[in-house]
PDB file of all heavy atoms in Angstrom:
ATOM      1  N   SER A   1      -5.664 -21.703 -16.878  1.00  0.00           N
ATOM      2  CA  SER A   1      -6.739 -21.534 -15.888  1.00  0.00           C
ATOM      3  C   SER A   1      -6.952 -20.044 -15.593  1.00  0.00           C
ATOM      4  O   SER A   1      -6.091 -19.382 -15.016  1.00  0.00           O
ATOM      5  CB  SER A   1      -6.396 -22.263 -14.585  1.00  0.00           C
ATOM      6  OG  SER A   1      -7.316 -21.925 -13.565  1.00  0.00           O
ATOM      7  N   ILE A   2      -8.126 -19.531 -15.987  1.00  0.00           N
ATOM      8  CA  ILE A   2      -8.466 -18.126 -15.726  1.00  0.00           C
ATOM      9  C   ILE A   2      -8.591 -17.880 -14.220  1.00  0.00           C
ATOM     10  O   ILE A   2      -8.182 -16.839 -13.707  1.00  0.00           O
ATOM     11  CB  ILE A   2      -9.789 -17.750 -16.421  1.00  0.00           C
ATOM     12  CG1 ILE A   2      -9.645 -17.886 -17.939  1.00  0.00           C
ATOM     13  CG2 ILE A   2     -10.204 -16.334 -16.051  1.00  0.00           C
ATOM     14  CD1 ILE A   2      -8.630 -16.932 -18.536  1.00  0.00           C
ATOM     15  N   ALA A   3      -9.141 -18.862 -13.501  1.00  0.00           N
ATOM     16  CA  ALA A   3      -9.361 -18.716 -12.058  1.00  0.00           C
ATOM     17  C   ALA A   3      -8.043 -18.493 -11.317  1.00  0.00           C
ATOM     18  O   ALA A   3      -7.936 -17.627 -10.441  1.00  0.00           O
ATOM     19  CB  ALA A   3     -10.075 -19.943 -11.503  1.00  0.00           C
ATOM     20  N   ILE A   4      -7.021 -19.279 -11.693  1.00  0.00           N
ATOM     21  CA  ILE A   4      -5.722 -19.152 -11.028  1.00  0.00           C
ATOM     22  C   ILE A   4      -5.060 -17.819 -11.392  1.00  0.00           C
ATOM     23  O   ILE A   4      -4.448 -17.158 -10.547  1.00  0.00           O
ATOM     24  CB  ILE A   4      -4.805 -20.330 -11.408  1.00  0.00           C
ATOM     25  CG1 ILE A   4      -5.400 -21.644 -10.874  1.00  0.00           C
ATOM     26  CG2 ILE A   4      -3.406 -20.130 -10.850  1.00  0.00           C
ATOM     27  CD1 ILE A   4      -4.625 -22.880 -11.272  1.00  0.00           C
ATOM     28  N   ILE A   5      -5.214 -17.397 -12.643  1.00  0.00           N
ATOM     29  CA  ILE A   5      -4.660 -16.109 -13.075  1.00  0.00           C
ATOM     30  C   ILE A   5      -5.320 -14.957 -12.303  1.00  0.00           C
ATOM     31  O   ILE A   5      -4.652 -14.021 -11.852  1.00  0.00           O
ATOM     32  CB  ILE A   5      -4.830 -15.909 -14.594  1.00  0.00           C
ATOM     33  CG1 ILE A   5      -3.964 -16.932 -15.360  1.00  0.00           C
ATOM     34  CG2 ILE A   5      -4.460 -14.475 -15.002  1.00  0.00           C
ATOM     35  CD1 ILE A   5      -4.178 -16.944 -16.853  1.00  0.00           C
ATOM     36  N   MET A   6      -6.641 -15.035 -12.136  1.00  0.00           N
ATOM     37  CA  MET A   6      -7.364 -13.996 -11.386  1.00  0.00           C
ATOM     38  C   MET A   6      -6.932 -13.972  -9.920  1.00  0.00           C
ATOM     39  O   MET A   6      -6.847 -12.916  -9.302  1.00  0.00           O
ATOM     40  CB  MET A   6      -8.875 -14.233 -11.493  1.00  0.00           C
ATOM     41  CG  MET A   6      -9.445 -13.988 -12.885  1.00  0.00           C
ATOM     42  SD  MET A   6      -9.103 -12.316 -13.497  1.00  0.00           S
ATOM     43  CE  MET A   6     -10.036 -11.344 -12.342  1.00  0.00           C
ATOM     44  N   ASP A   7      -6.650 -15.151  -9.385  1.00  0.00           N
ATOM     45  CA  ASP A   7      -6.169 -15.236  -8.002  1.00  0.00           C
ATOM     46  C   ASP A   7      -4.795 -14.579  -7.873  1.00  0.00           C
ATOM     47  O   ASP A   7      -4.466 -13.974  -6.852  1.00  0.00           O
ATOM     48  CB  ASP A   7      -6.107 -16.705  -7.566  1.00  0.00           C
ATOM     49  CG  ASP A   7      -6.129 -16.848  -6.049  1.00  0.00           C
ATOM     50  OD1 ASP A   7      -6.529 -15.875  -5.370  1.00  0.00           O
ATOM     51  OD2 ASP A   7      -5.755 -17.909  -5.546  1.00  0.00           O
ATOM     52  N   ALA A   8      -3.989 -14.698  -8.940  1.00  0.00           N
ATOM     53  CA  ALA A   8      -2.673 -14.049  -8.957  1.00  0.00           C
ATOM     54  C   ALA A   8      -2.838 -12.533  -8.931  1.00  0.00           C
ATOM     55  O   ALA A   8      -2.101 -11.824  -8.237  1.00  0.00           O
ATOM     56  CB  ALA A   8      -1.897 -14.473 -10.202  1.00  0.00           C
ATOM     57  N   VAL A   9      -3.812 -12.037  -9.684  1.00  0.00           N
ATOM     58  CA  VAL A   9      -4.093 -10.594  -9.696  1.00  0.00           C
ATOM     59  C   VAL A   9      -4.526 -10.139  -8.298  1.00  0.00           C
ATOM     60  O   VAL A   9      -4.151  -9.055  -7.838  1.00  0.00           O
ATOM     61  CB  VAL A   9      -5.189 -10.261 -10.736  1.00  0.00           C
ATOM     62  CG1 VAL A   9      -5.587  -8.788 -10.625  1.00  0.00           C
ATOM     63  CG2 VAL A   9      -4.695 -10.573 -12.142  1.00  0.00           C
ATOM     64  N   ASN A  10      -5.290 -10.982  -7.602  1.00  0.00           N
ATOM     65  CA  ASN A  10      -5.749 -10.664  -6.246  1.00  0.00           C
ATOM     66  C   ASN A  10      -4.559 -10.506  -5.293  1.00  0.00           C
ATOM     67  O   ASN A  10      -4.562  -9.641  -4.420  1.00  0.00           O
ATOM     68  CB  ASN A  10      -6.685 -11.765  -5.742  1.00  0.00           C
ATOM     69  CG  ASN A  10      -7.156 -11.509  -4.324  1.00  0.00           C
ATOM     70  OD1 ASN A  10      -7.737 -10.470  -4.028  1.00  0.00           O
ATOM     71  ND2 ASN A  10      -6.901 -12.458  -3.436  1.00  0.00           N
ATOM     72  N   ASN A  11      -3.537 -11.343  -5.480  1.00  0.00           N
ATOM     73  CA  ASN A  11      -2.335 -11.231  -4.646  1.00  0.00           C
ATOM     74  C   ASN A  11      -1.602  -9.922  -4.888  1.00  0.00           C
ATOM     75  O   ASN A  11      -1.040  -9.330  -3.963  1.00  0.00           O
ATOM     76  CB  ASN A  11      -1.391 -12.399  -4.901  1.00  0.00           C
ATOM     77  CG  ASN A  11      -1.805 -13.655  -4.155  1.00  0.00           C
ATOM     78  OD1 ASN A  11      -2.048 -14.702  -4.748  1.00  0.00           O
ATOM     79  ND2 ASN A  11      -1.925 -13.559  -2.836  1.00  0.00           N
ATOM     80  N   LEU A  12      -1.625  -9.452  -6.136  1.00  0.00           N
ATOM     81  CA  LEU A  12      -0.995  -8.159  -6.433  1.00  0.00           C
ATOM     82  C   LEU A  12      -1.759  -7.027  -5.748  1.00  0.00           C
ATOM     83  O   LEU A  12      -1.161  -6.067  -5.258  1.00  0.00           O
ATOM     84  CB  LEU A  12      -0.963  -7.926  -7.946  1.00  0.00           C
ATOM     85  CG  LEU A  12       0.031  -8.779  -8.736  1.00  0.00           C
ATOM     86  CD1 LEU A  12      -0.099  -8.498 -10.227  1.00  0.00           C
ATOM     87  CD2 LEU A  12       1.465  -8.514  -8.273  1.00  0.00           C
ATOM     88  N   SER A  13      -3.082  -7.153  -5.690  1.00  0.00           N
ATOM     89  CA  SER A  13      -3.880  -6.133  -5.003  1.00  0.00           C
ATOM     90  C   SER A  13      -3.608  -6.168  -3.494  1.00  0.00           C
ATOM     91  O   SER A  13      -3.672  -5.136  -2.818  1.00  0.00           O
ATOM     92  CB  SER A  13      -5.370  -6.325  -5.284  1.00  0.00           C
ATOM     93  OG  SER A  13      -5.855  -7.511  -4.673  1.00  0.00           O
ATOM     94  N   ASP A  14      -3.292  -7.365  -2.956  1.00  0.00           N
ATOM     95  CA  ASP A  14      -2.949  -7.472  -1.538  1.00  0.00           C
ATOM     96  C   ASP A  14      -1.659  -6.715  -1.224  1.00  0.00           C
ATOM     97  O   ASP A  14      -1.495  -6.163  -0.124  1.00  0.00           O
ATOM     98  CB  ASP A  14      -2.776  -8.945  -1.137  1.00  0.00           C
ATOM     99  CG  ASP A  14      -4.103  -9.691  -1.148  1.00  0.00           C
ATOM    100  OD1 ASP A  14      -5.151  -9.017  -1.136  1.00  0.00           O
ATOM    101  OD2 ASP A  14      -4.079 -10.928  -1.172  1.00  0.00           O
ATOM    102  N   ALA A  15      -0.741  -6.727  -2.192  1.00  0.00           N
ATOM    103  CA  ALA A  15       0.512  -5.989  -1.998  1.00  0.00           C
ATOM    104  C   ALA A  15       0.254  -4.491  -1.859  1.00  0.00           C
ATOM    105  O   ALA A  15       1.043  -3.757  -1.240  1.00  0.00           O
ATOM    106  CB  ALA A  15       1.454  -6.243  -3.173  1.00  0.00           C
ATOM    107  N   LEU A  16      -0.890  -4.053  -2.405  1.00  0.00           N
ATOM    108  CA  LEU A  16      -1.258  -2.644  -2.319  1.00  0.00           C
ATOM    109  C   LEU A  16      -1.436  -2.202  -0.860  1.00  0.00           C
ATOM    110  O   LEU A  16      -1.079  -1.072  -0.505  1.00  0.00           O
ATOM    111  CB  LEU A  16      -2.553  -2.402  -3.103  1.00  0.00           C
ATOM    112  CG  LEU A  16      -3.079  -0.962  -3.123  1.00  0.00           C
ATOM    113  CD1 LEU A  16      -2.066  -0.036  -3.795  1.00  0.00           C
ATOM    114  CD2 LEU A  16      -4.423  -0.909  -3.856  1.00  0.00           C
ATOM    115  N   SER A  17      -1.962  -3.097  -0.016  1.00  0.00           N
ATOM    116  CA  SER A  17      -2.138  -2.762   1.403  1.00  0.00           C
ATOM    117  C   SER A  17      -0.793  -2.430   2.049  1.00  0.00           C
ATOM    118  O   SER A  17      -0.684  -1.480   2.829  1.00  0.00           O
ATOM    119  CB  SER A  17      -2.779  -3.943   2.148  1.00  0.00           C
ATOM    120  OG  SER A  17      -4.080  -4.173   1.701  1.00  0.00           O
ATOM    121  N   SER A  18       0.221  -3.216   1.703  1.00  0.00           N
ATOM    122  CA  SER A  18       1.557  -2.970   2.260  1.00  0.00           C
ATOM    123  C   SER A  18       2.159  -1.674   1.726  1.00  0.00           C
ATOM    124  O   SER A  18       2.840  -0.939   2.454  1.00  0.00           O
ATOM    125  CB  SER A  18       2.482  -4.145   1.934  1.00  0.00           C
ATOM    126  OG  SER A  18       2.016  -5.334   2.541  1.00  0.00           O
ATOM    127  N   ILE A  19       1.905  -1.377   0.459  1.00  0.00           N
ATOM    128  CA  ILE A  19       2.404  -0.127  -0.127  1.00  0.00           C
ATOM    129  C   ILE A  19       1.753   1.070   0.555  1.00  0.00           C
ATOM    130  O   ILE A  19       2.422   2.060   0.883  1.00  0.00           O
ATOM    131  CB  ILE A  19       2.134  -0.102  -1.652  1.00  0.00           C
ATOM    132  CG1 ILE A  19       2.958  -1.188  -2.352  1.00  0.00           C
ATOM    133  CG2 ILE A  19       2.453   1.276  -2.235  1.00  0.00           C
ATOM    134  CD1 ILE A  19       2.617  -1.381  -3.811  1.00  0.00           C
ATOM    135  N   ILE A  20       0.442   0.970   0.791  1.00  0.00           N
ATOM    136  CA  ILE A  20      -0.285   2.049   1.478  1.00  0.00           C
ATOM    137  C   ILE A  20       0.268   2.241   2.889  1.00  0.00           C
ATOM    138  O   ILE A  20       0.431   3.372   3.361  1.00  0.00           O
ATOM    139  CB  ILE A  20      -1.797   1.730   1.526  1.00  0.00           C
ATOM    140  CG1 ILE A  20      -2.394   1.809   0.127  1.00  0.00           C
ATOM    141  CG2 ILE A  20      -2.531   2.696   2.466  1.00  0.00           C
ATOM    142  CD1 ILE A  20      -3.807   1.278   0.035  1.00  0.00           C
ATOM    143  N   THR A  21       0.585   1.139   3.561  1.00  0.00           N
ATOM    144  CA  THR A  21       1.144   1.218   4.915  1.00  0.00           C
ATOM    145  C   THR A  21       2.482   1.947   4.911  1.00  0.00           C
ATOM    146  O   THR A  21       2.736   2.798   5.776  1.00  0.00           O
ATOM    147  CB  THR A  21       1.330  -0.198   5.497  1.00  0.00           C
ATOM    148  OG1 THR A  21       0.063  -0.865   5.539  1.00  0.00           O
ATOM    149  CG2 THR A  21       1.899  -0.131   6.914  1.00  0.00           C
ATOM    150  N   ILE A  22       3.338   1.631   3.941  1.00  0.00           N
ATOM    151  CA  ILE A  22       4.652   2.287   3.845  1.00  0.00           C
ATOM    152  C   ILE A  22       4.485   3.783   3.591  1.00  0.00           C
ATOM    153  O   ILE A  22       5.109   4.619   4.260  1.00  0.00           O
ATOM    154  CB  ILE A  22       5.510   1.649   2.732  1.00  0.00           C
ATOM    155  CG1 ILE A  22       5.899   0.225   3.122  1.00  0.00           C
ATOM    156  CG2 ILE A  22       6.756   2.492   2.468  1.00  0.00           C
ATOM    157  CD1 ILE A  22       6.617  -0.538   2.024  1.00  0.00           C
ATOM    158  N   ILE A  23       3.629   4.132   2.637  1.00  0.00           N
ATOM    159  CA  ILE A  23       3.415   5.549   2.309  1.00  0.00           C
ATOM    160  C   ILE A  23       2.869   6.300   3.523  1.00  0.00           C
ATOM    161  O   ILE A  23       3.346   7.385   3.873  1.00  0.00           O
ATOM    162  CB  ILE A  23       2.440   5.692   1.110  1.00  0.00           C
ATOM    163  CG1 ILE A  23       3.084   5.123  -0.162  1.00  0.00           C
ATOM    164  CG2 ILE A  23       2.063   7.153   0.910  1.00  0.00           C
ATOM    165  CD1 ILE A  23       2.149   5.039  -1.344  1.00  0.00           C
ATOM    166  N   GLY A  24       1.871   5.694   4.183  1.00  0.00           N
ATOM    167  CA  GLY A  24       1.276   6.329   5.361  1.00  0.00           C
ATOM    168  C   GLY A  24       2.281   6.527   6.479  1.00  0.00           C
ATOM    169  O   GLY A  24       2.315   7.584   7.126  1.00  0.00           O
ATOM    170  N   THR A  25       3.124   5.526   6.711  1.00  0.00           N
ATOM    171  CA  THR A  25       4.133   5.606   7.774  1.00  0.00           C
ATOM    172  C   THR A  25       5.166   6.681   7.473  1.00  0.00           C
ATOM    173  O   THR A  25       5.572   7.442   8.361  1.00  0.00           O
ATOM    174  CB  THR A  25       4.837   4.242   7.945  1.00  0.00           C
ATOM    175  OG1 THR A  25       3.860   3.244   8.249  1.00  0.00           O
ATOM    176  CG2 THR A  25       5.852   4.288   9.073  1.00  0.00           C
ATOM    177  N   LYS A  26       5.608   6.746   6.221  1.00  0.00           N
ATOM    178  CA  LYS A  26       6.605   7.749   5.827  1.00  0.00           C
ATOM    179  C   LYS A  26       6.044   9.171   5.970  1.00  0.00           C
ATOM    180  O   LYS A  26       6.722  10.074   6.478  1.00  0.00           O
ATOM    181  CB  LYS A  26       7.048   7.504   4.378  1.00  0.00           C
ATOM    182  CG  LYS A  26       7.951   6.297   4.191  1.00  0.00           C
ATOM    183  CD  LYS A  26       9.314   6.530   4.829  1.00  0.00           C
ATOM    184  CE  LYS A  26      10.278   5.390   4.559  1.00  0.00           C
ATOM    185  NZ  LYS A  26      11.590   5.609   5.227  1.00  0.00           N
ATOM    186  N   LEU A  27       4.801   9.361   5.533  1.00  0.00           N
ATOM    187  CA  LEU A  27       4.188  10.687   5.631  1.00  0.00           C
ATOM    188  C   LEU A  27       3.940  11.071   7.090  1.00  0.00           C
ATOM    189  O   LEU A  27       4.128  12.227   7.486  1.00  0.00           O
ATOM    190  CB  LEU A  27       2.866  10.715   4.850  1.00  0.00           C
ATOM    191  CG  LEU A  27       2.963  10.624   3.327  1.00  0.00           C
ATOM    192  CD1 LEU A  27       1.581  10.533   2.706  1.00  0.00           C
ATOM    193  CD2 LEU A  27       3.716  11.827   2.765  1.00  0.00           C
ATOM    194  N   ALA A  28       3.539  10.087   7.901  1.00  0.00           N
ATOM    195  CA  ALA A  28       3.256  10.348   9.317  1.00  0.00           C
ATOM    196  C   ALA A  28       4.525  10.716  10.088  1.00  0.00           C
ATOM    197  O   ALA A  28       4.460  11.409  11.107  1.00  0.00           O
ATOM    198  CB  ALA A  28       2.597   9.129   9.955  1.00  0.00           C
ATOM    199  N   ALA A  29       5.676  10.245   9.592  1.00  0.00           N
ATOM    200  CA  ALA A  29       6.944  10.494  10.287  1.00  0.00           C
ATOM    201  C   ALA A  29       7.557  11.854   9.944  1.00  0.00           C
ATOM    202  O   ALA A  29       8.580  12.237  10.516  1.00  0.00           O
ATOM    203  CB  ALA A  29       7.948   9.392   9.941  1.00  0.00           C
ATOM    204  N   LYS A  30       6.905  12.593   9.053  1.00  0.00           N
ATOM    205  CA  LYS A  30       7.424  13.922   8.691  1.00  0.00           C
ATOM    206  C   LYS A  30       7.474  14.821   9.922  1.00  0.00           C
ATOM    207  O   LYS A  30       6.605  14.774  10.781  1.00  0.00           O
ATOM    208  CB  LYS A  30       6.531  14.566   7.627  1.00  0.00           C
ATOM    209  CG  LYS A  30       6.700  14.005   6.228  1.00  0.00           C
ATOM    210  CD  LYS A  30       5.707  14.632   5.266  1.00  0.00           C
ATOM    211  CE  LYS A  30       5.910  16.131   5.159  1.00  0.00           C
ATOM    212  NZ  LYS A  30       4.938  16.740   4.207  1.00  0.00           N
ATOM    213  N   ALA A  31       8.504  15.639   9.991  1.00  0.00           N
ATOM    214  CA  ALA A  31       8.672  16.543  11.132  1.00  0.00           C
ATOM    215  C   ALA A  31       7.566  17.594  11.159  1.00  0.00           C
ATOM    216  O   ALA A  31       7.010  17.947  10.113  1.00  0.00           O
ATOM    217  CB  ALA A  31      10.035  17.221  11.053  1.00  0.00           C
ATOM    218  N   PRO A  32       7.219  18.079  12.349  1.00  0.00           N
ATOM    219  CA  PRO A  32       6.218  19.147  12.444  1.00  0.00           C
ATOM    220  C   PRO A  32       6.656  20.374  11.638  1.00  0.00           C
ATOM    221  O   PRO A  32       7.847  20.635  11.487  1.00  0.00           O
ATOM    222  CB  PRO A  32       6.175  19.464  13.945  1.00  0.00           C
ATOM    223  CG  PRO A  32       6.688  18.223  14.611  1.00  0.00           C
ATOM    224  CD  PRO A  32       7.712  17.663  13.670  1.00  0.00           C
ATOM    225  N   ASP A  33       5.694  21.105  11.123  1.00  0.00           N
ATOM    226  CA  ASP A  33       5.994  22.344  10.406  1.00  0.00           C
ATOM    227  C   ASP A  33       5.027  23.424  10.857  1.00  0.00           C
ATOM    228  O   ASP A  33       4.193  23.194  11.733  1.00  0.00           O
ATOM    229  CB  ASP A  33       5.933  22.133   8.883  1.00  0.00           C
ATOM    230  CG  ASP A  33       4.622  21.483   8.445  1.00  0.00           C
ATOM    231  OD1 ASP A  33       3.561  21.837   9.007  1.00  0.00           O
ATOM    232  OD2 ASP A  33       4.637  20.630   7.543  1.00  0.00           O
ATOM    233  N   LYS A  34       5.135  24.598  10.264  1.00  0.00           N
ATOM    234  CA  LYS A  34       4.303  25.726  10.691  1.00  0.00           C
ATOM    235  C   LYS A  34       2.814  25.426  10.507  1.00  0.00           C
ATOM    236  O   LYS A  34       1.979  25.811  11.332  1.00  0.00           O
ATOM    237  CB  LYS A  34       4.684  26.974   9.898  1.00  0.00           C
ATOM    238  CG  LYS A  34       4.002  28.242  10.397  1.00  0.00           C
ATOM    239  CD  LYS A  34       4.545  29.470   9.694  1.00  0.00           C
ATOM    240  CE  LYS A  34       3.879  30.737  10.261  1.00  0.00           C
ATOM    241  NZ  LYS A  34       4.402  31.964   9.619  1.00  0.00           N
ATOM    242  N   LYS A  35       2.485  24.745   9.423  1.00  0.00           N
ATOM    243  CA  LYS A  35       1.082  24.437   9.136  1.00  0.00           C
ATOM    244  C   LYS A  35       0.560  23.311  10.010  1.00  0.00           C
ATOM    245  O   LYS A  35      -0.621  23.254  10.355  1.00  0.00           O
ATOM    246  CB  LYS A  35       0.942  24.063   7.654  1.00  0.00           C
ATOM    247  CG  LYS A  35      -0.497  24.059   7.171  1.00  0.00           C
ATOM    248  CD  LYS A  35      -0.550  23.865   5.664  1.00  0.00           C
ATOM    249  CE  LYS A  35      -1.995  23.894   5.167  1.00  0.00           C
ATOM    250  NZ  LYS A  35      -2.072  23.704   3.697  1.00  0.00           N
ATOM    251  N   HIS A  36       1.442  22.369  10.378  1.00  0.00           N
ATOM    252  CA  HIS A  36       1.058  21.227  11.216  1.00  0.00           C
ATOM    253  C   HIS A  36       2.031  21.124  12.400  1.00  0.00           C
ATOM    254  O   HIS A  36       2.893  20.240  12.427  1.00  0.00           O
ATOM    255  CB  HIS A  36       1.076  19.926  10.400  1.00  0.00           C
ATOM    256  CG  HIS A  36       0.226  19.996   9.163  1.00  0.00           C
ATOM    257  ND1 HIS A  36       0.768  20.285   7.936  1.00  0.00           N
ATOM    258  CD2 HIS A  36      -1.108  19.837   8.984  1.00  0.00           C
ATOM    259  CE1 HIS A  36      -0.199  20.287   7.038  1.00  0.00           C
ATOM    260  NE2 HIS A  36      -1.351  20.034   7.638  1.00  0.00           N
TER     261      HIS A  36
END
C-alpha cells in the first residue's frame, strides 16, 4: 500500500518538529556572551 507507506513518511516528518524543539531549546540555553 503506497498510501500507508506515505503516511509512514509523514510520521517521520512529524519527528522533525521534536528535533527542531530540542535544537532550539539547547541553543536558547546557551550562556550570555559579549555579542549577546
